[in-house]
Amino acid sequence: MRTDTLIRFEGMKALRERLDIVEVEKFISLIIREPFDYTEWQQDLWKDKNLDDIFDAAKKYSSTQD
């Protein structure tokens, strides 16, 4: 299992790959400021999708990452 330090490092790296530094800071402040239930968010995120839809989307996304 990864250490907390490594997870934080990888998380910041992922954010910096997609957002500029100001957006990273804003994202972090939003997460800290607003209560956030990841489990509840995940349940709502895919409520209108079936397993095949999610799999197809993941496969499509994966093919763009090569």
N, C-alpha and C. Protein backbone atom coordinates (compact mmCIF):
# COMPACT_ATOMS: atom_id res chain seq x y z
N MET A 1 0.84 -1.18 0.00
CA MET A 1 0.00 0.00 0.00
C MET A 1 0.89 1.24 0.00
N ARG A 2 0.46 2.27 -0.71
CA ARG A 2 1.23 3.51 -0.78
C ARG A 2 1.13 4.28 0.54
N THR A 3 2.15 5.03 0.82
CA THR A 3 2.13 5.87 2.03
C THR A 3 1.28 7.11 1.78
N ASP A 4 0.88 7.76 2.87
CA ASP A 4 0.11 9.01 2.75
C ASP A 4 0.89 10.06 1.96
N THR A 5 2.18 10.13 2.22
CA THR A 5 3.02 11.11 1.52
C THR A 5 3.02 10.86 0.02
N LEU A 6 3.16 9.61 -0.37
CA LEU A 6 3.17 9.27 -1.80
C LEU A 6 1.81 9.55 -2.44
N ILE A 7 0.73 9.26 -1.72
CA ILE A 7 -0.61 9.54 -2.25
C ILE A 7 -0.79 11.04 -2.44
N ARG A 8 -0.36 11.85 -1.47
CA ARG A 8 -0.46 13.30 -1.62
C ARG A 8 0.37 13.78 -2.81
N PHE A 9 1.58 13.25 -2.94
CA PHE A 9 2.46 13.64 -4.04
C PHE A 9 1.82 13.30 -5.39
N GLU A 10 1.33 12.08 -5.52
CA GLU A 10 0.71 11.64 -6.78
C GLU A 10 -0.57 12.43 -7.06
N GLY A 11 -1.33 12.73 -6.02
CA GLY A 11 -2.55 13.52 -6.20
C GLY A 11 -2.25 14.92 -6.70
N MET A 12 -1.24 15.56 -6.11
CA MET A 12 -0.85 16.90 -6.56
C MET A 12 -0.32 16.85 -7.99
N LYS A 13 0.42 15.82 -8.29
CA LYS A 13 0.95 15.66 -9.66
C LYS A 13 -0.20 15.53 -10.65
N ALA A 14 -1.20 14.73 -10.31
CA ALA A 14 -2.36 14.56 -11.18
C ALA A 14 -3.11 15.89 -11.37
N LEU A 15 -3.28 16.63 -10.29
CA LEU A 15 -3.94 17.92 -10.40
C LEU A 15 -3.15 18.87 -11.29
N ARG A 16 -1.84 18.92 -11.12
CA ARG A 16 -1.01 19.83 -11.90
C ARG A 16 -0.98 19.46 -13.38
N GLU A 17 -1.20 18.20 -13.70
CA GLU A 17 -1.24 17.78 -15.10
C GLU A 17 -2.50 18.28 -15.80
N ARG A 18 -3.55 18.54 -15.03
CA ARG A 18 -4.83 18.95 -15.63
C ARG A 18 -5.20 20.41 -15.37
N LEU A 19 -4.66 20.99 -14.31
CA LEU A 19 -5.03 22.35 -13.90
C LEU A 19 -3.78 23.22 -13.78
N ASP A 20 -3.95 24.53 -13.94
CA ASP A 20 -2.80 25.40 -13.65
C ASP A 20 -2.72 25.61 -12.14
N ILE A 21 -1.65 26.23 -11.66
CA ILE A 21 -1.40 26.32 -10.21
C ILE A 21 -2.52 27.05 -9.48
N VAL A 22 -3.09 28.07 -10.08
CA VAL A 22 -4.19 28.81 -9.44
C VAL A 22 -5.42 27.91 -9.31
N GLU A 23 -5.71 27.14 -10.34
CA GLU A 23 -6.84 26.23 -10.29
C GLU A 23 -6.63 25.11 -9.27
N VAL A 24 -5.39 24.65 -9.13
CA VAL A 24 -5.08 23.65 -8.10
C VAL A 24 -5.39 24.21 -6.72
N GLU A 25 -4.91 25.42 -6.46
CA GLU A 25 -5.16 26.07 -5.16
C GLU A 25 -6.66 26.25 -4.93
N LYS A 26 -7.38 26.66 -5.97
CA LYS A 26 -8.82 26.85 -5.84
C LYS A 26 -9.52 25.52 -5.56
N PHE A 27 -9.12 24.46 -6.26
CA PHE A 27 -9.70 23.14 -6.03
C PHE A 27 -9.49 22.70 -4.58
N ILE A 28 -8.28 22.86 -4.08
CA ILE A 28 -7.98 22.46 -2.70
C ILE A 28 -8.83 23.26 -1.72
N SER A 29 -8.94 24.58 -1.93
CA SER A 29 -9.74 25.39 -1.01
C SER A 29 -11.22 25.02 -1.08
N LEU A 30 -11.71 24.65 -2.27
CA LEU A 30 -13.11 24.20 -2.38
C LEU A 30 -13.34 22.91 -1.60
N ILE A 31 -12.42 21.99 -1.71
CA ILE A 31 -12.55 20.71 -1.00
C ILE A 31 -12.52 20.92 0.51
N ILE A 32 -11.65 21.80 0.97
CA ILE A 32 -11.53 22.06 2.40
C ILE A 32 -12.78 22.79 2.92
N ARG A 33 -13.27 23.73 2.13
CA ARG A 33 -14.37 24.60 2.56
C ARG A 33 -15.71 23.88 2.57
N GLU A 34 -15.96 23.04 1.58
CA GLU A 34 -17.27 22.42 1.43
C GLU A 34 -17.24 20.98 1.93
N PRO A 35 -18.26 20.60 2.71
CA PRO A 35 -18.32 19.19 3.12
C PRO A 35 -18.50 18.32 1.87
N PHE A 36 -17.82 17.21 1.83
CA PHE A 36 -17.81 16.39 0.62
C PHE A 36 -17.86 14.92 1.03
N ASP A 37 -18.89 14.23 0.63
CA ASP A 37 -19.03 12.81 0.91
C ASP A 37 -18.75 12.04 -0.38
N TYR A 38 -17.57 11.49 -0.49
CA TYR A 38 -17.14 10.80 -1.71
C TYR A 38 -18.08 9.66 -2.06
N THR A 39 -18.53 8.90 -1.08
CA THR A 39 -19.41 7.76 -1.34
C THR A 39 -20.73 8.22 -1.94
N GLU A 40 -21.30 9.27 -1.36
CA GLU A 40 -22.56 9.80 -1.89
C GLU A 40 -22.37 10.35 -3.31
N TRP A 41 -21.27 11.05 -3.53
CA TRP A 41 -20.96 11.60 -4.85
C TRP A 41 -20.85 10.49 -5.89
N GLN A 42 -20.17 9.40 -5.56
CA GLN A 42 -20.02 8.28 -6.48
C GLN A 42 -21.36 7.65 -6.83
N GLN A 43 -22.25 7.56 -5.84
CA GLN A 43 -23.56 6.97 -6.10
C GLN A 43 -24.35 7.82 -7.09
N ASP A 44 -24.26 9.14 -6.96
CA ASP A 44 -24.98 10.03 -7.87
C ASP A 44 -24.30 10.13 -9.23
N LEU A 45 -23.00 9.98 -9.27
CA LEU A 45 -22.24 10.16 -10.50
C LEU A 45 -22.68 9.20 -11.60
N TRP A 46 -22.93 7.97 -11.25
CA TRP A 46 -23.23 6.94 -12.26
C TRP A 46 -24.67 6.45 -12.22
N LYS A 47 -25.59 7.18 -11.58
CA LYS A 47 -26.95 6.66 -11.38
C LYS A 47 -27.71 6.40 -12.68
N ASP A 48 -27.38 7.12 -13.76
CA ASP A 48 -28.08 6.92 -15.02
C ASP A 48 -27.32 6.04 -16.00
N LYS A 49 -26.28 5.36 -15.53
CA LYS A 49 -25.45 4.52 -16.39
C LYS A 49 -25.50 3.08 -15.92
N ASN A 50 -25.46 2.15 -16.88
CA ASN A 50 -25.35 0.75 -16.50
C ASN A 50 -23.87 0.33 -16.60
N LEU A 51 -23.58 -0.87 -16.21
CA LEU A 51 -22.20 -1.35 -16.18
C LEU A 51 -21.55 -1.31 -17.56
N ASP A 52 -22.29 -1.68 -18.59
CA ASP A 52 -21.73 -1.65 -19.95
C ASP A 52 -21.37 -0.23 -20.39
N ASP A 53 -22.21 0.75 -20.05
CA ASP A 53 -21.92 2.15 -20.38
C ASP A 53 -20.62 2.62 -19.71
N ILE A 54 -20.49 2.29 -18.44
CA ILE A 54 -19.29 2.70 -17.68
C ILE A 54 -18.06 2.01 -18.25
N PHE A 55 -18.17 0.73 -18.55
CA PHE A 55 -17.04 -0.01 -19.10
C PHE A 55 -16.62 0.56 -20.45
N ASP A 56 -17.59 0.85 -21.31
CA ASP A 56 -17.28 1.42 -22.63
C ASP A 56 -16.61 2.78 -22.50
N ALA A 57 -17.10 3.61 -21.58
CA ALA A 57 -16.49 4.92 -21.37
C ALA A 57 -15.06 4.79 -20.85
N ALA A 58 -14.83 3.85 -19.94
CA ALA A 58 -13.49 3.63 -19.40
C ALA A 58 -12.55 3.12 -20.48
N LYS A 59 -13.04 2.23 -21.31
CA LYS A 59 -12.23 1.69 -22.40
C LYS A 59 -11.87 2.79 -23.40
N LYS A 60 -12.83 3.63 -23.72
CA LYS A 60 -12.59 4.74 -24.65
C LYS A 60 -11.57 5.71 -24.06
N TYR A 61 -11.74 6.05 -22.79
CA TYR A 61 -10.81 6.97 -22.13
C TYR A 61 -9.40 6.36 -22.10
N SER A 62 -9.32 5.09 -21.77
CA SER A 62 -8.02 4.41 -21.69
C SER A 62 -7.29 4.43 -23.03
N SER A 63 -8.04 4.29 -24.11
CA SER A 63 -7.39 4.26 -25.43
C SER A 63 -6.82 5.63 -25.80
N THR A 64 -7.31 6.70 -25.18
CA THR A 64 -6.77 8.05 -25.48
C THR A 64 -5.53 8.36 -24.65
N GLN A 65 -5.21 7.53 -23.67
CA GLN A 65 -4.10 7.80 -22.75
C GLN A 65 -2.78 7.20 -23.21
N ASP A 66 -2.76 6.50 -24.32
CA ASP A 66 -1.53 5.85 -24.80
C ASP A 66 -0.64 6.80 -25.55
